[in-house]
Protein backbone atom coordinates (compact mmCIF):
# COMPACT_ATOMS: atom_id res chain seq x y z
CA MET A 1 20.43 -15.45 -7.26
CA LEU A 2 20.55 -15.34 -3.51
CA ASP A 3 22.64 -17.52 -1.25
CA VAL A 4 20.38 -18.22 1.71
CA PHE A 5 23.36 -19.33 3.80
CA SER A 6 24.84 -15.83 3.84
CA ARG A 7 22.25 -13.69 1.96
CA HIS A 8 24.85 -12.90 -0.73
CA ILE A 9 23.54 -12.05 -4.20
CA VAL A 10 25.88 -14.10 -6.36
CA GLY A 11 24.36 -13.74 -9.80
CA ARG A 12 22.03 -11.31 -11.54
CA ALA A 13 20.82 -10.36 -14.99
CA MET A 14 18.51 -7.68 -16.32
CA THR A 15 16.70 -7.34 -19.61
CA ASP A 16 13.39 -6.20 -21.08
CA HIS A 17 11.78 -9.68 -21.06
CA LEU A 18 11.08 -12.57 -18.70
CA ARG A 19 12.10 -15.44 -20.95
CA THR A 20 14.23 -18.37 -19.86
CA GLU A 21 17.41 -16.74 -21.20
CA LEU A 22 17.14 -14.18 -18.42
CA VAL A 23 17.39 -16.73 -15.61
CA ILE A 24 20.00 -18.75 -17.49
CA ASN A 25 22.13 -15.60 -17.75
CA ALA A 26 21.73 -15.01 -14.02
CA LEU A 27 22.62 -18.66 -13.39
CA GLU A 28 25.75 -18.32 -15.55
CA VAL A 29 26.88 -15.32 -13.49
CA ALA A 30 26.28 -17.24 -10.25
CA ILE A 31 28.17 -20.28 -11.55
CA TRP A 32 31.06 -18.11 -12.70
CA ASN A 33 31.15 -16.24 -9.35
CA ARG A 34 30.94 -19.31 -7.12
CA ARG A 35 31.95 -22.36 -9.15
CA PRO A 36 29.71 -24.65 -7.06
CA ALA A 37 30.64 -28.27 -6.47
CA PRO A 38 28.45 -30.95 -8.03
CA GLY A 39 25.38 -31.73 -5.95
CA LEU A 40 24.26 -28.16 -5.41
CA ILE A 41 20.47 -27.89 -5.26
CA HIS A 42 18.82 -24.96 -7.05
CA HIS A 43 15.37 -24.43 -5.57
CA SER A 44 12.74 -22.31 -7.29
CA ASP A 45 9.03 -21.84 -7.60
CA GLN A 46 7.28 -23.45 -10.55
CA GLY A 47 7.69 -20.55 -12.95
CA THR A 48 8.08 -21.42 -16.60
CA GLN A 49 11.61 -20.01 -16.70
CA TYR A 50 12.74 -22.56 -14.10
CA THR A 51 10.77 -25.52 -15.39
CA SER A 52 11.99 -25.06 -18.97
CA LEU A 53 14.06 -27.74 -20.64
CA SER A 54 16.95 -25.38 -21.40
CA PHE A 55 17.25 -24.21 -17.78
CA SER A 56 17.10 -27.81 -16.54
CA GLN A 57 19.76 -28.89 -19.06
CA ARG A 58 22.08 -26.04 -18.05
CA CYS A 59 21.71 -26.94 -14.38
CA THR A 60 22.37 -30.61 -15.12
CA SER A 61 25.47 -29.79 -17.18
CA ALA A 62 26.81 -27.76 -14.24
CA GLY A 63 26.12 -30.57 -11.76
CA ILE A 64 23.24 -28.66 -10.17
CA ARG A 65 20.09 -30.49 -9.12
CA THR A 66 16.82 -28.62 -9.55
CA SER A 67 14.01 -28.48 -7.01
CA THR A 68 10.67 -26.67 -7.13
CA GLY A 69 8.41 -25.53 -4.34
CA ASN A 70 4.73 -26.04 -3.77
CA VAL A 71 2.11 -24.00 -5.58
CA ALA A 72 0.98 -20.88 -3.65
CA ASP A 73 3.44 -21.35 -0.78
CA CYS A 74 4.84 -17.92 0.03
CA PHE A 75 6.89 -19.29 2.94
CA ASP A 76 8.94 -21.31 0.47
CA ASN A 77 10.47 -18.08 -0.85
CA ALA A 78 10.38 -15.83 2.20
CA VAL A 79 14.10 -15.07 2.00
CA THR A 80 13.90 -13.82 -1.57
CA GLU A 81 10.72 -11.87 -0.82
CA SER A 82 12.63 -10.19 1.99
CA PHE A 83 15.50 -9.30 -0.37
CA PHE A 84 13.13 -7.79 -2.93
CA ALA A 85 11.33 -5.83 -0.21
CA THR A 86 14.71 -4.41 0.79
CA LEU A 87 15.64 -3.65 -2.81
CA GLU A 88 12.32 -1.92 -3.41
CA THR A 89 12.28 0.18 -0.26
CA GLU A 90 15.93 1.14 -0.05
CA PRO A 91 17.27 2.08 -3.52
CA LEU A 92 14.33 1.76 -5.94
CA ASP A 93 11.46 3.57 -4.21
CA ARG A 94 13.69 6.52 -3.33
CA HIS A 95 14.68 7.39 -6.90
CA HIS A 96 13.19 7.84 -10.35
CA PHE A 97 15.13 6.10 -13.11
CA ALA A 98 14.74 7.36 -16.66
CA THR A 99 16.34 4.31 -18.27
CA ARG A 100 16.81 0.60 -17.63
CA ALA A 101 20.57 1.21 -17.58
CA GLN A 102 20.17 3.63 -14.66
CA THR A 103 18.04 1.07 -12.80
CA LYS A 104 20.60 -1.67 -13.46
CA ALA A 105 23.45 0.54 -12.24
CA ALA A 106 21.54 1.47 -9.08
CA CYS A 107 20.81 -2.20 -8.33
CA PHE A 108 24.46 -3.12 -8.92
CA ASP A 109 25.69 -0.31 -6.66
CA PHE A 110 23.22 -1.21 -3.91
CA ILE A 111 24.17 -4.89 -3.95
CA GLU A 112 27.93 -4.57 -4.36
CA ALA A 113 28.61 -1.41 -2.34
CA PHE A 114 26.07 -1.82 0.47
CA TYR A 115 24.05 -5.03 0.64
CA TYR A 116 26.94 -7.50 0.41
CA PRO A 117 29.71 -5.74 2.34
CA ARG A 118 27.74 -3.76 4.96
CA ARG A 119 24.03 -4.58 5.36
CA ARG A 120 23.53 -6.72 8.44
CA HIS A 121 20.97 -9.55 8.58
CA SER A 122 19.34 -11.11 11.60
CA SER A 123 19.61 -14.79 10.61
CA PRO A 124 23.41 -14.79 10.08
CA GLY A 125 23.97 -13.28 13.54
CA MET A 126 23.57 -9.60 12.60
CA LEU A 127 26.51 -9.78 10.20
CA SER A 128 26.80 -8.63 6.61
CA PRO A 129 26.91 -11.39 3.97
CA ALA A 130 30.60 -10.66 3.40
CA GLU A 131 31.49 -10.94 7.08
CA TYR A 132 29.34 -14.04 7.60
CA GLU A 133 31.00 -15.79 4.66
CA ARG A 134 34.43 -14.80 5.91
CA ARG A 135 33.72 -16.27 9.36
CA ASN A 136 32.13 -19.43 7.96
CA ASP A 137 34.38 -20.03 4.97
CA GLN A 138 34.81 -23.71 5.79
CA GLN A 139 31.04 -24.42 5.84
CA PRO A 140 29.83 -26.73 3.02
CA ARG A 141 26.85 -25.47 1.06
CA ARG A 142 24.48 -27.86 -0.61
CA VAL A 143 21.04 -26.27 -1.10
CA TYR A 144 20.05 -23.13 -3.00
CA LYS A 145 16.62 -21.59 -3.53
CA THR A 146 15.00 -19.83 -6.43
CA ARG A 147 11.80 -17.98 -6.89
CA ALA A 148 10.35 -16.95 -10.22
CA THR A 149 7.66 -14.31 -10.32
CA SER A 150 6.77 -11.77 -12.89
CA VAL A 151 10.20 -10.33 -12.11
CA ALA A 152 11.97 -13.64 -12.80
CA LEU A 153 13.78 -13.89 -9.51
CA SER A 154 16.18 -16.76 -9.15
CA CYS A 155 17.65 -17.59 -5.79
CA TRP A 156 20.11 -20.19 -4.54
CA ALA A 157 19.78 -20.82 -0.86
CA GLY A 158 21.04 -22.86 2.01
CA PRO A 159 18.82 -24.48 4.62
CA VAL A 160 16.89 -21.82 6.50
CA ALA A 161 13.96 -21.65 8.85
CA LEU A 162 11.29 -19.74 6.97
CA ASP A 163 9.48 -17.05 8.89
CA PRO A 164 6.02 -15.77 7.81
CA ARG A 165 7.04 -12.22 8.79
CA PHE A 166 9.28 -12.09 5.70
CA CYS A 167 6.62 -13.10 3.19
CA ARG A 168 5.79 -10.06 1.06
CA HIS A 169 4.83 -9.76 -2.58
CA SER A 170 7.18 -7.56 -4.58
CA ASN A 171 6.29 -4.83 -7.03
CA PRO A 172 7.33 -6.22 -10.45
CA ALA A 173 7.14 -2.83 -12.16
CA ALA A 174 9.72 -1.34 -9.81
CA LEU A 175 12.17 -4.10 -10.60
CA ALA A 176 12.17 -3.47 -14.34
CA SER A 177 12.19 -7.15 -15.27
CA CYS A 178 15.21 -8.09 -13.21
CA ALA A 179 16.43 -11.55 -12.43
CA PHE A 180 18.78 -11.82 -9.52
CA ALA A 181 20.70 -15.01 -8.98
CA VAL A 182 22.01 -15.70 -5.58
CA GLY A 183 24.00 -18.76 -4.70
CA LEU A 184 27.08 -20.35 -3.28
């Protein structure tokens, strides 16, 4: 799950299926990492994982409101498309992974050792997610975004101006059925 405020990936899960449990697991990681206050909005596309009763119930029990985007609106999820484009072109396209465990480890290393602490982003003032969060620690966060595709991406996001330059369809095969949860 991706925090659009800072671009921090706050929750993720990986498995060999795209069932609702995958996004619930990613949500659990994000909740554990961030412990969001009641009123958080989790925004997603209209994928079956995010419109399922069990996902909705888990969000409600955590005090998270759910929101879904419009059908066929790529601008609604431009931030997550941008993240997946980065994930595909930086660590995944450059290596061959023999196992899902190797892919999972490479994704973890990329996110935790590079993307969060060092990779700069244009919208948060050319700062890394870690530095942007440090500088804006007092900022309240209320809205998160999610996008479900055939790779079951889940994303929590803050208000952001969506830019059509960041709309790009990801390669589901390269992501090995990952769900990344990003939130506050």
